[in-house]
Amino acid sequence: MRFFIVALTVSCTPHLKAEESATCDGEALDNSWEVTVAPLGLQGEGYGRGEVVPDFCLDDQFGERVSLWQFYGDVILLDISTMWCGPCQQIAQDVDETWKEFRDQGFTYITMLPEDLDGGDVGLDDVQSWADEFKITAPIVADNEGYAYDVEPNQVWPVVMLIDRNMEVIADRIAPNDAAIRAAITDAL
């Protein structure tokens, strides 16, 4: 009987399984941002309204790997901008103020940059430059894996989308101006 009780005690000890931890490319996340574990079985579906967005693992302005799904439980504004795009630069001016205003309500603002000033690949220097130029302290990721082109195959930038706390798209094309962005965030929160 004692063996059974010991076995029962050992089997009831909670263990965090690898698939229950937040990972990027199979490795546990270790970055400066808040990390939440998305539920097991969450499946990316697409980028239209009501669909669960696929996860990504990209490098941020600090050179750390960031997963979209590590922000599960937050309302997320995903701003896909290119460095050469005038309207993208315009909305970048308000990113940090918007993020700071809403972040305590469970909100994250993520900027994804798929192209540098010349339309080429974005590197760490580019995302750092974008952060410095526009004084952005929210996550900025370099998309050298083509995620942005899956979202917008026609490459019409910027693309501003809002994702709810369960990773479902609730607005797939928000007008790229501060008033429209703030209105969508306010409605979602």
N, C-alpha and C. Protein backbone atom coordinates (compact mmCIF):
# COMPACT_ATOMS: atom_id res chain seq x y z
N MET A 1 0.82 -1.20 0.00
CA MET A 1 0.00 0.00 0.00
C MET A 1 0.86 1.26 0.00
N ARG A 2 1.94 1.24 0.75
CA ARG A 2 2.83 2.39 0.80
C ARG A 2 3.38 2.69 -0.60
N PHE A 3 3.73 1.68 -1.35
CA PHE A 3 4.25 1.88 -2.70
C PHE A 3 3.23 2.59 -3.57
N PHE A 4 1.96 2.20 -3.43
CA PHE A 4 0.90 2.83 -4.21
C PHE A 4 0.76 4.32 -3.87
N ILE A 5 0.82 4.67 -2.59
CA ILE A 5 0.71 6.06 -2.17
C ILE A 5 1.89 6.87 -2.69
N VAL A 6 3.08 6.32 -2.61
CA VAL A 6 4.26 7.02 -3.12
C VAL A 6 4.13 7.22 -4.63
N ALA A 7 3.70 6.18 -5.33
CA ALA A 7 3.54 6.28 -6.77
C ALA A 7 2.47 7.32 -7.12
N LEU A 8 1.40 7.35 -6.33
CA LEU A 8 0.34 8.31 -6.56
C LEU A 8 0.86 9.74 -6.33
N THR A 9 1.63 9.93 -5.29
CA THR A 9 2.19 11.24 -5.00
C THR A 9 3.12 11.70 -6.12
N VAL A 10 3.96 10.81 -6.60
CA VAL A 10 4.89 11.15 -7.67
C VAL A 10 4.11 11.45 -8.95
N SER A 11 3.09 10.68 -9.23
CA SER A 11 2.36 10.90 -10.47
C SER A 11 1.49 12.15 -10.41
N CYS A 12 1.21 12.70 -9.24
CA CYS A 12 0.42 13.91 -9.13
C CYS A 12 1.26 15.18 -9.10
N THR A 13 2.56 15.03 -9.07
CA THR A 13 3.43 16.20 -9.07
C THR A 13 3.33 16.88 -10.42
N PRO A 14 3.03 18.18 -10.44
CA PRO A 14 2.89 18.86 -11.74
C PRO A 14 4.23 18.98 -12.45
N HIS A 15 4.23 18.70 -13.71
CA HIS A 15 5.42 18.85 -14.54
C HIS A 15 5.04 19.68 -15.75
N LEU A 16 5.89 20.63 -16.11
CA LEU A 16 5.66 21.42 -17.30
C LEU A 16 6.24 20.67 -18.48
N LYS A 17 5.39 20.23 -19.36
CA LYS A 17 5.85 19.51 -20.54
C LYS A 17 6.40 20.49 -21.55
N ALA A 18 7.28 20.04 -22.40
CA ALA A 18 7.89 20.91 -23.41
C ALA A 18 6.84 21.60 -24.27
N GLU A 19 5.76 20.87 -24.63
CA GLU A 19 4.76 21.47 -25.49
C GLU A 19 3.89 22.48 -24.74
N GLU A 20 4.02 22.56 -23.39
CA GLU A 20 3.25 23.52 -22.63
C GLU A 20 4.03 24.81 -22.40
N SER A 21 5.29 24.87 -22.77
CA SER A 21 6.05 26.10 -22.61
C SER A 21 6.03 26.88 -23.92
N ALA A 22 6.18 28.18 -23.81
CA ALA A 22 6.22 29.01 -25.01
C ALA A 22 7.55 28.79 -25.70
N THR A 23 7.48 28.49 -26.99
CA THR A 23 8.70 28.21 -27.73
C THR A 23 8.75 28.99 -29.03
N CYS A 24 9.95 29.11 -29.54
CA CYS A 24 10.21 29.68 -30.84
C CYS A 24 11.16 28.73 -31.54
N ASP A 25 10.74 28.20 -32.65
CA ASP A 25 11.57 27.26 -33.39
C ASP A 25 12.00 26.09 -32.51
N GLY A 26 11.10 25.66 -31.60
CA GLY A 26 11.38 24.51 -30.73
C GLY A 26 12.21 24.82 -29.50
N GLU A 27 12.63 26.06 -29.32
CA GLU A 27 13.41 26.43 -28.14
C GLU A 27 12.58 27.34 -27.24
N ALA A 28 12.74 27.17 -25.92
CA ALA A 28 12.00 27.99 -24.97
C ALA A 28 12.31 29.47 -25.21
N LEU A 29 11.28 30.28 -25.13
CA LEU A 29 11.47 31.72 -25.33
C LEU A 29 12.21 32.34 -24.16
N ASP A 30 13.14 33.20 -24.48
CA ASP A 30 13.88 33.94 -23.47
C ASP A 30 14.12 35.33 -24.03
N ASN A 31 13.08 36.19 -23.92
CA ASN A 31 13.20 37.54 -24.44
C ASN A 31 12.69 38.54 -23.42
N SER A 32 12.74 39.81 -23.75
CA SER A 32 12.40 40.88 -22.83
C SER A 32 10.90 41.12 -22.68
N TRP A 33 10.10 40.49 -23.52
CA TRP A 33 8.66 40.74 -23.52
C TRP A 33 7.94 39.76 -22.63
N GLU A 34 6.73 40.10 -22.25
CA GLU A 34 5.88 39.21 -21.47
C GLU A 34 5.64 37.93 -22.29
N VAL A 35 5.71 36.80 -21.63
CA VAL A 35 5.50 35.53 -22.32
C VAL A 35 4.31 34.81 -21.69
N THR A 36 3.33 34.50 -22.50
CA THR A 36 2.17 33.73 -22.09
C THR A 36 2.14 32.48 -22.96
N VAL A 37 1.75 31.38 -22.37
CA VAL A 37 1.68 30.14 -23.13
C VAL A 37 0.32 30.02 -23.79
N ALA A 38 0.32 29.88 -25.10
CA ALA A 38 -0.93 29.67 -25.84
C ALA A 38 -1.44 28.27 -25.53
N PRO A 39 -2.75 28.07 -25.56
CA PRO A 39 -3.30 26.75 -25.25
C PRO A 39 -2.82 25.68 -26.23
N LEU A 40 -2.64 24.49 -25.70
CA LEU A 40 -2.29 23.36 -26.56
C LEU A 40 -3.40 23.16 -27.59
N GLY A 41 -3.03 22.83 -28.78
CA GLY A 41 -4.02 22.58 -29.82
C GLY A 41 -4.42 23.81 -30.61
N LEU A 42 -3.92 25.00 -30.23
CA LEU A 42 -4.23 26.19 -31.01
C LEU A 42 -3.61 26.03 -32.40
N GLN A 43 -4.40 26.25 -33.42
CA GLN A 43 -3.95 26.06 -34.80
C GLN A 43 -4.15 27.34 -35.60
N GLY A 44 -3.11 27.76 -36.29
CA GLY A 44 -3.22 28.90 -37.18
C GLY A 44 -4.09 28.55 -38.37
N GLU A 45 -4.98 29.47 -38.75
CA GLU A 45 -5.91 29.22 -39.85
C GLU A 45 -5.68 30.17 -41.02
N GLY A 46 -5.43 31.43 -40.72
CA GLY A 46 -5.28 32.40 -41.79
C GLY A 46 -5.32 33.81 -41.25
N TYR A 47 -5.61 34.77 -42.14
CA TYR A 47 -5.50 36.18 -41.79
C TYR A 47 -6.80 36.94 -41.98
N GLY A 48 -7.90 36.23 -42.23
CA GLY A 48 -9.20 36.88 -42.38
C GLY A 48 -9.93 36.96 -41.05
N ARG A 49 -10.96 37.78 -41.03
CA ARG A 49 -11.75 37.93 -39.80
C ARG A 49 -12.24 36.58 -39.30
N GLY A 50 -12.10 36.39 -37.99
CA GLY A 50 -12.56 35.16 -37.35
C GLY A 50 -11.58 34.01 -37.41
N GLU A 51 -10.48 34.18 -38.14
CA GLU A 51 -9.48 33.12 -38.25
C GLU A 51 -8.38 33.32 -37.20
N VAL A 52 -7.85 32.20 -36.70
CA VAL A 52 -6.71 32.25 -35.79
C VAL A 52 -5.46 32.50 -36.64
N VAL A 53 -4.71 33.55 -36.29
CA VAL A 53 -3.50 33.87 -37.07
C VAL A 53 -2.42 32.84 -36.80
N PRO A 54 -1.68 32.45 -37.81
CA PRO A 54 -0.54 31.55 -37.59
C PRO A 54 0.53 32.24 -36.74
N ASP A 55 1.24 31.46 -35.99
CA ASP A 55 2.32 31.99 -35.16
C ASP A 55 3.51 32.35 -36.04
N PHE A 56 4.38 33.19 -35.53
CA PHE A 56 5.66 33.44 -36.17
C PHE A 56 6.74 33.53 -35.11
N CYS A 57 7.96 33.31 -35.50
CA CYS A 57 9.13 33.49 -34.65
C CYS A 57 10.11 34.35 -35.44
N LEU A 58 10.26 35.60 -35.01
CA LEU A 58 11.10 36.56 -35.71
C LEU A 58 11.98 37.30 -34.71
N ASP A 59 13.04 37.91 -35.19
CA ASP A 59 13.95 38.65 -34.32
C ASP A 59 13.45 40.08 -34.12
N ASP A 60 13.55 40.56 -32.87
CA ASP A 60 13.12 41.92 -32.55
C ASP A 60 14.30 42.89 -32.55
N GLN A 61 14.05 44.10 -32.14
CA GLN A 61 15.07 45.15 -32.15
C GLN A 61 16.20 44.90 -31.16
N PHE A 62 16.05 43.91 -30.29
CA PHE A 62 17.11 43.56 -29.35
C PHE A 62 17.86 42.29 -29.77
N GLY A 63 17.49 41.76 -30.94
CA GLY A 63 18.13 40.54 -31.43
C GLY A 63 17.59 39.29 -30.78
N GLU A 64 16.43 39.39 -30.12
CA GLU A 64 15.83 38.25 -29.43
C GLU A 64 14.69 37.67 -30.29
N ARG A 65 14.50 36.36 -30.20
CA ARG A 65 13.40 35.71 -30.92
C ARG A 65 12.09 36.00 -30.21
N VAL A 66 11.10 36.37 -30.99
CA VAL A 66 9.78 36.72 -30.47
C VAL A 66 8.74 35.89 -31.22
N SER A 67 7.79 35.38 -30.47
CA SER A 67 6.68 34.63 -31.04
C SER A 67 5.41 35.48 -30.93
N LEU A 68 4.62 35.50 -31.98
CA LEU A 68 3.35 36.21 -31.91
C LEU A 68 2.49 35.62 -30.79
N TRP A 69 2.46 34.30 -30.72
CA TRP A 69 1.59 33.63 -29.76
C TRP A 69 2.05 33.79 -28.32
N GLN A 70 3.24 34.32 -28.07
CA GLN A 70 3.65 34.55 -26.69
C GLN A 70 2.82 35.65 -26.05
N PHE A 71 2.07 36.39 -26.88
CA PHE A 71 1.21 37.46 -26.38
C PHE A 71 -0.24 37.01 -26.28
N TYR A 72 -0.47 35.69 -26.30
CA TYR A 72 -1.81 35.14 -26.15
C TYR A 72 -2.43 35.73 -24.88
N GLY A 73 -3.69 36.14 -24.99
CA GLY A 73 -4.38 36.76 -23.85
C GLY A 73 -4.42 38.28 -23.95
N ASP A 74 -3.57 38.86 -24.80
CA ASP A 74 -3.60 40.30 -25.06
C ASP A 74 -4.36 40.56 -26.35
N VAL A 75 -4.90 41.75 -26.47
CA VAL A 75 -5.36 42.25 -27.76
C VAL A 75 -4.10 42.76 -28.45
N ILE A 76 -3.90 42.36 -29.69
CA ILE A 76 -2.66 42.69 -30.41
C ILE A 76 -2.98 43.49 -31.67
N LEU A 77 -2.30 44.61 -31.82
CA LEU A 77 -2.34 45.32 -33.08
C LEU A 77 -1.09 44.93 -33.83
N LEU A 78 -1.25 44.32 -35.00
CA LEU A 78 -0.12 43.95 -35.84
C LEU A 78 -0.06 44.93 -37.00
N ASP A 79 1.00 45.73 -37.00
CA ASP A 79 1.24 46.75 -38.00
C ASP A 79 2.36 46.25 -38.90
N ILE A 80 2.00 45.89 -40.13
CA ILE A 80 3.00 45.42 -41.09
C ILE A 80 3.34 46.61 -41.98
N SER A 81 4.54 47.13 -41.79
CA SER A 81 4.99 48.32 -42.49
C SER A 81 6.33 48.04 -43.16
N THR A 82 6.61 48.81 -44.19
CA THR A 82 7.94 48.75 -44.80
C THR A 82 8.64 50.07 -44.50
N MET A 83 9.96 50.01 -44.45
CA MET A 83 10.73 51.19 -44.07
C MET A 83 10.65 52.30 -45.11
N TRP A 84 10.41 51.96 -46.38
CA TRP A 84 10.39 52.95 -47.46
C TRP A 84 9.03 53.61 -47.65
N CYS A 85 8.01 53.12 -46.99
CA CYS A 85 6.62 53.54 -47.21
C CYS A 85 6.27 54.78 -46.38
N GLY A 86 5.82 55.85 -47.06
CA GLY A 86 5.45 57.09 -46.38
C GLY A 86 4.33 56.92 -45.37
N PRO A 87 3.19 56.29 -45.73
CA PRO A 87 2.12 56.09 -44.74
C PRO A 87 2.58 55.23 -43.56
N CYS A 88 3.49 54.30 -43.82
CA CYS A 88 4.03 53.47 -42.74
C CYS A 88 4.83 54.32 -41.75
N GLN A 89 5.62 55.23 -42.29
CA GLN A 89 6.39 56.13 -41.44
C GLN A 89 5.47 57.06 -40.66
N GLN A 90 4.38 57.45 -41.28
CA GLN A 90 3.41 58.33 -40.62
C GLN A 90 2.79 57.65 -39.40
N ILE A 91 2.33 56.41 -39.54
CA ILE A 91 1.70 55.75 -38.39
C ILE A 91 2.74 55.36 -37.34
N ALA A 92 3.99 55.18 -37.75
CA ALA A 92 5.05 54.84 -36.79
C ALA A 92 5.25 55.94 -35.76
N GLN A 93 4.92 57.16 -36.12
CA GLN A 93 5.10 58.29 -35.21
C GLN A 93 4.22 58.18 -33.97
N ASP A 94 3.12 57.44 -34.06
CA ASP A 94 2.18 57.32 -32.93
C ASP A 94 2.23 55.98 -32.22
N VAL A 95 3.06 55.07 -32.69
CA VAL A 95 3.09 53.71 -32.13
C VAL A 95 3.32 53.71 -30.62
N ASP A 96 4.37 54.34 -30.17
CA ASP A 96 4.72 54.23 -28.76
C ASP A 96 3.67 54.87 -27.85
N GLU A 97 3.15 56.00 -28.25
CA GLU A 97 2.11 56.65 -27.45
C GLU A 97 0.87 55.76 -27.35
N THR A 98 0.49 55.16 -28.47
CA THR A 98 -0.67 54.27 -28.48
C THR A 98 -0.43 53.05 -27.61
N TRP A 99 0.74 52.44 -27.76
CA TRP A 99 1.06 51.25 -26.97
C TRP A 99 1.04 51.57 -25.48
N LYS A 100 1.67 52.65 -25.09
CA LYS A 100 1.74 53.01 -23.67
C LYS A 100 0.37 53.34 -23.09
N GLU A 101 -0.50 53.92 -23.91
CA GLU A 101 -1.84 54.27 -23.44
C GLU A 101 -2.68 53.03 -23.11
N PHE A 102 -2.53 51.97 -23.90
CA PHE A 102 -3.41 50.81 -23.76
C PHE A 102 -2.76 49.57 -23.16
N ARG A 103 -1.46 49.51 -23.01
CA ARG A 103 -0.80 48.25 -22.63
C ARG A 103 -1.22 47.73 -21.27
N ASP A 104 -1.58 48.60 -20.32
CA ASP A 104 -2.01 48.13 -19.01
C ASP A 104 -3.39 47.48 -19.03
N GLN A 105 -4.05 47.57 -20.18
CA GLN A 105 -5.36 46.94 -20.35
C GLN A 105 -5.25 45.60 -21.08
N GLY A 106 -4.01 45.08 -21.20
CA GLY A 106 -3.82 43.82 -21.91
C GLY A 106 -3.72 44.02 -23.40
N PHE A 107 -2.89 44.95 -23.82
CA PHE A 107 -2.74 45.29 -25.22
C PHE A 107 -1.25 45.28 -25.60
N THR A 108 -0.96 44.75 -26.78
CA THR A 108 0.40 44.76 -27.31
C THR A 108 0.37 45.30 -28.73
N TYR A 109 1.31 46.17 -29.04
CA TYR A 109 1.46 46.74 -30.38
C TYR A 109 2.73 46.14 -30.97
N ILE A 110 2.61 45.41 -32.07
CA ILE A 110 3.76 44.80 -32.73
C ILE A 110 3.90 45.38 -34.13
N THR A 111 5.09 45.89 -34.42
CA THR A 111 5.39 46.34 -35.77
C THR A 111 6.24 45.27 -36.44
N MET A 112 5.84 44.87 -37.64
CA MET A 112 6.60 43.91 -38.43
C MET A 112 7.14 44.63 -39.66
N LEU A 113 8.44 44.52 -39.88
CA LEU A 113 9.06 45.17 -41.03
C LEU A 113 9.58 44.10 -42.00
N PRO A 114 8.94 43.95 -43.17
CA PRO A 114 9.43 42.97 -44.15
C PRO A 114 10.45 43.52 -45.15
N GLU A 115 10.55 44.87 -45.25
CA GLU A 115 11.46 45.45 -46.25
C GLU A 115 12.17 46.67 -45.69
N ASP A 116 13.44 46.81 -46.05
CA ASP A 116 14.22 47.98 -45.63
C ASP A 116 13.96 49.16 -46.57
N LEU A 117 14.73 50.22 -46.45
CA LEU A 117 14.53 51.42 -47.26
C LEU A 117 14.68 51.18 -48.76
N ASP A 118 15.43 50.14 -49.13
CA ASP A 118 15.64 49.81 -50.54
C ASP A 118 14.75 48.67 -51.02
N GLY A 119 13.83 48.20 -50.19
CA GLY A 119 12.95 47.10 -50.56
C GLY A 119 13.59 45.74 -50.36
N GLY A 120 14.75 45.69 -49.69
CA GLY A 120 15.43 44.43 -49.43
C GLY A 120 15.14 43.88 -48.05
N ASP A 121 15.86 42.83 -47.69
CA ASP A 121 15.67 42.19 -46.38
C ASP A 121 16.00 43.14 -45.24
N VAL A 122 15.28 42.97 -44.14
CA VAL A 122 15.46 43.79 -42.95
C VAL A 122 16.38 43.06 -41.99
N GLY A 123 17.35 43.78 -41.45
CA GLY A 123 18.27 43.22 -40.47
C GLY A 123 18.10 43.87 -39.11
N LEU A 124 18.91 43.43 -38.16
CA LEU A 124 18.86 43.96 -36.81
C LEU A 124 19.10 45.47 -36.80
N ASP A 125 20.05 45.94 -37.59
CA ASP A 125 20.32 47.38 -37.67
C ASP A 125 19.09 48.15 -38.13
N ASP A 126 18.33 47.57 -39.05
CA ASP A 126 17.14 48.25 -39.57
C ASP A 126 16.05 48.39 -38.50
N VAL A 127 15.75 47.30 -37.78
CA VAL A 127 14.70 47.39 -36.75
C VAL A 127 15.14 48.29 -35.61
N GLN A 128 16.43 48.27 -35.29
CA GLN A 128 16.94 49.19 -34.26
C GLN A 128 16.82 50.64 -34.74
N SER A 129 17.13 50.88 -36.00
CA SER A 129 17.02 52.22 -36.57
C SER A 129 15.57 52.71 -36.53
N TRP A 130 14.62 51.83 -36.90
CA TRP A 130 13.19 52.17 -36.87
C TRP A 130 12.77 52.52 -35.44
N ALA A 131 13.21 51.71 -34.49
CA ALA A 131 12.89 51.97 -33.08
C ALA A 131 13.45 53.31 -32.63
N ASP A 132 14.68 53.59 -33.00
CA ASP A 132 15.33 54.84 -32.60
C ASP A 132 14.67 56.05 -33.27
N GLU A 133 14.46 55.94 -34.57
CA GLU A 133 13.92 57.07 -35.33
C GLU A 133 12.55 57.50 -34.84
N PHE A 134 11.69 56.48 -34.53
CA PHE A 134 10.32 56.79 -34.12
C PHE A 134 10.11 56.64 -32.62
N LYS A 135 11.20 56.42 -31.88
CA LYS A 135 11.16 56.31 -30.41
C LYS A 135 10.13 55.27 -29.95
N ILE A 136 10.22 54.08 -30.56
CA ILE A 136 9.30 52.99 -30.27
C ILE A 136 9.94 52.02 -29.27
N THR A 137 9.22 51.77 -28.19
CA THR A 137 9.69 50.80 -27.20
C THR A 137 8.89 49.50 -27.25
N ALA A 138 7.84 49.46 -28.05
CA ALA A 138 7.04 48.25 -28.26
C ALA A 138 7.81 47.32 -29.20
N PRO A 139 7.41 46.04 -29.27
CA PRO A 139 8.13 45.09 -30.13
C PRO A 139 8.11 45.48 -31.62
N ILE A 140 9.28 45.40 -32.23
CA ILE A 140 9.44 45.57 -33.67
C ILE A 140 10.19 44.33 -34.15
N VAL A 141 9.66 43.63 -35.13
CA VAL A 141 10.30 42.41 -35.61
C VAL A 141 10.67 42.51 -37.07
N ALA A 142 11.79 41.91 -37.41
CA ALA A 142 12.28 41.84 -38.78
C ALA A 142 11.73 40.59 -39.44
N ASP A 143 10.94 40.78 -40.48
CA ASP A 143 10.33 39.63 -41.16
C ASP A 143 11.15 39.24 -42.38
N ASN A 144 12.10 38.36 -42.17
CA ASN A 144 12.88 37.82 -43.28
C ASN A 144 12.41 36.43 -43.67
N GLU A 145 11.23 36.05 -43.18
CA GLU A 145 10.70 34.72 -43.46
C GLU A 145 9.45 34.76 -44.33
N GLY A 146 9.01 35.95 -44.73
CA GLY A 146 7.89 36.06 -45.66
C GLY A 146 6.51 36.04 -45.05
N TYR A 147 6.41 36.13 -43.75
CA TYR A 147 5.10 36.13 -43.10
C TYR A 147 4.22 37.25 -43.67
N ALA A 148 4.80 38.46 -43.82
CA ALA A 148 4.03 39.61 -44.30
C ALA A 148 3.44 39.36 -45.68
N TYR A 149 4.15 38.63 -46.53
CA TYR A 149 3.68 38.38 -47.90
C TYR A 149 2.55 37.34 -47.91
N ASP A 150 2.47 36.52 -46.87
CA ASP A 150 1.31 35.63 -46.72
C ASP A 150 0.08 36.44 -46.34
N VAL A 151 0.28 37.45 -45.51
CA VAL A 151 -0.83 38.32 -45.09
C VAL A 151 -1.28 39.19 -46.26
N GLU A 152 -0.33 39.78 -46.97
CA GLU A 152 -0.63 40.71 -48.06
C GLU A 152 0.19 40.36 -49.30
N PRO A 153 -0.28 39.37 -50.09
CA PRO A 153 0.48 38.95 -51.28
C PRO A 153 0.67 40.06 -52.31
N ASN A 154 -0.23 41.05 -52.34
CA ASN A 154 -0.12 42.14 -53.30
C ASN A 154 0.86 43.23 -52.87
N GLN A 155 1.39 43.09 -51.68
CA GLN A 155 2.40 44.01 -51.13
C GLN A 155 1.92 45.46 -51.11
N VAL A 156 0.70 45.65 -50.68
CA VAL A 156 0.15 46.99 -50.48
C VAL A 156 0.31 47.31 -49.00
N TRP A 157 1.23 48.20 -48.68
CA TRP A 157 1.58 48.49 -47.30
C TRP A 157 1.08 49.88 -46.90
N PRO A 158 0.81 50.09 -45.65
CA PRO A 158 0.86 49.17 -44.53
C PRO A 158 -0.40 48.31 -44.45
N VAL A 159 -0.29 47.23 -43.69
CA VAL A 159 -1.43 46.41 -43.32
C VAL A 159 -1.52 46.49 -41.80
N VAL A 160 -2.67 46.92 -41.32
CA VAL A 160 -2.88 47.06 -39.88
C VAL A 160 -4.04 46.15 -39.52
N MET A 161 -3.77 45.16 -38.66
CA MET A 161 -4.82 44.23 -38.26
C MET A 161 -4.88 44.12 -36.74
N LEU A 162 -6.05 43.78 -36.24
CA LEU A 162 -6.26 43.64 -34.81
C LEU A 162 -6.62 42.19 -34.51
N ILE A 163 -5.96 41.66 -33.49
CA ILE A 163 -6.10 40.26 -33.11
C ILE A 163 -6.63 40.22 -31.68
N ASP A 164 -7.65 39.40 -31.44
CA ASP A 164 -8.22 39.38 -30.09
C ASP A 164 -7.40 38.50 -29.15
N ARG A 165 -7.86 38.38 -27.94
CA ARG A 165 -7.12 37.67 -26.87
C ARG A 165 -6.97 36.17 -27.13
N ASN A 166 -7.77 35.63 -28.08
CA ASN A 166 -7.69 34.21 -28.44
C ASN A 166 -6.97 33.99 -29.75
N MET A 167 -6.28 35.03 -30.25
CA MET A 167 -5.50 34.99 -31.49
C MET A 167 -6.37 34.96 -32.75
N GLU A 168 -7.62 35.40 -32.64
CA GLU A 168 -8.49 35.49 -33.81
C GLU A 168 -8.47 36.91 -34.35
N VAL A 169 -8.43 37.03 -35.66
CA VAL A 169 -8.45 38.34 -36.31
C VAL A 169 -9.84 38.94 -36.13
N ILE A 170 -9.88 40.16 -35.57
CA ILE A 170 -11.17 40.85 -35.43
C ILE A 170 -11.29 42.03 -36.38
N ALA A 171 -10.17 42.49 -36.92
CA ALA A 171 -10.17 43.52 -37.96
C ALA A 171 -8.96 43.25 -38.83
N ASP A 172 -9.20 42.90 -40.10
CA ASP A 172 -8.08 42.52 -40.95
C ASP A 172 -7.50 43.67 -41.75
N ARG A 173 -8.19 44.78 -41.83
CA ARG A 173 -7.67 45.95 -42.54
C ARG A 173 -8.19 47.21 -41.86
N ILE A 174 -7.39 47.77 -40.97
CA ILE A 174 -7.74 49.02 -40.30
C ILE A 174 -7.08 50.15 -41.09
N ALA A 175 -7.79 51.24 -41.28
CA ALA A 175 -7.22 52.40 -41.98
C ALA A 175 -5.92 52.81 -41.26
N PRO A 176 -4.87 53.06 -42.02
CA PRO A 176 -3.57 53.36 -41.41
C PRO A 176 -3.44 54.81 -40.93
N ASN A 177 -4.26 55.13 -39.93
CA ASN A 177 -4.14 56.44 -39.28
C ASN A 177 -4.43 56.27 -37.80
N ASP A 178 -3.89 57.17 -37.02
CA ASP A 178 -3.95 57.03 -35.56
C ASP A 178 -5.38 56.98 -35.04
N ALA A 179 -6.27 57.80 -35.58
CA ALA A 179 -7.66 57.82 -35.10
C ALA A 179 -8.35 56.48 -35.32
N ALA A 180 -8.20 55.90 -36.50
CA ALA A 180 -8.84 54.61 -36.81
C ALA A 180 -8.23 53.49 -35.96
N ILE A 181 -6.91 53.54 -35.79
CA ILE A 181 -6.24 52.52 -34.98
C ILE A 181 -6.71 52.57 -33.54
N ARG A 182 -6.74 53.76 -32.96
CA ARG A 182 -7.17 53.91 -31.56
C ARG A 182 -8.65 53.51 -31.39
N ALA A 183 -9.49 53.84 -32.35
CA ALA A 183 -10.90 53.47 -32.27
C ALA A 183 -11.06 51.95 -32.28
N ALA A 184 -10.31 51.26 -33.13
CA ALA A 184 -10.40 49.80 -33.19
C ALA A 184 -9.90 49.17 -31.90
N ILE A 185 -8.82 49.70 -31.35
CA ILE A 185 -8.30 49.18 -30.08
C ILE A 185 -9.32 49.38 -28.96
N THR A 186 -9.87 50.58 -28.89
CA THR A 186 -10.86 50.88 -27.84
C THR A 186 -12.05 49.95 -27.95
N ASP A 187 -12.54 49.70 -29.16
CA ASP A 187 -13.67 48.77 -29.34
C ASP A 187 -13.31 47.36 -28.89
N ALA A 188 -12.07 46.94 -29.13
CA ALA A 188 -11.66 45.57 -28.80
C ALA A 188 -11.41 45.38 -27.31
N LEU A 189 -11.00 46.42 -26.64
CA LEU A 189 -10.71 46.30 -25.20
C LEU A 189 -11.99 46.45 -24.40
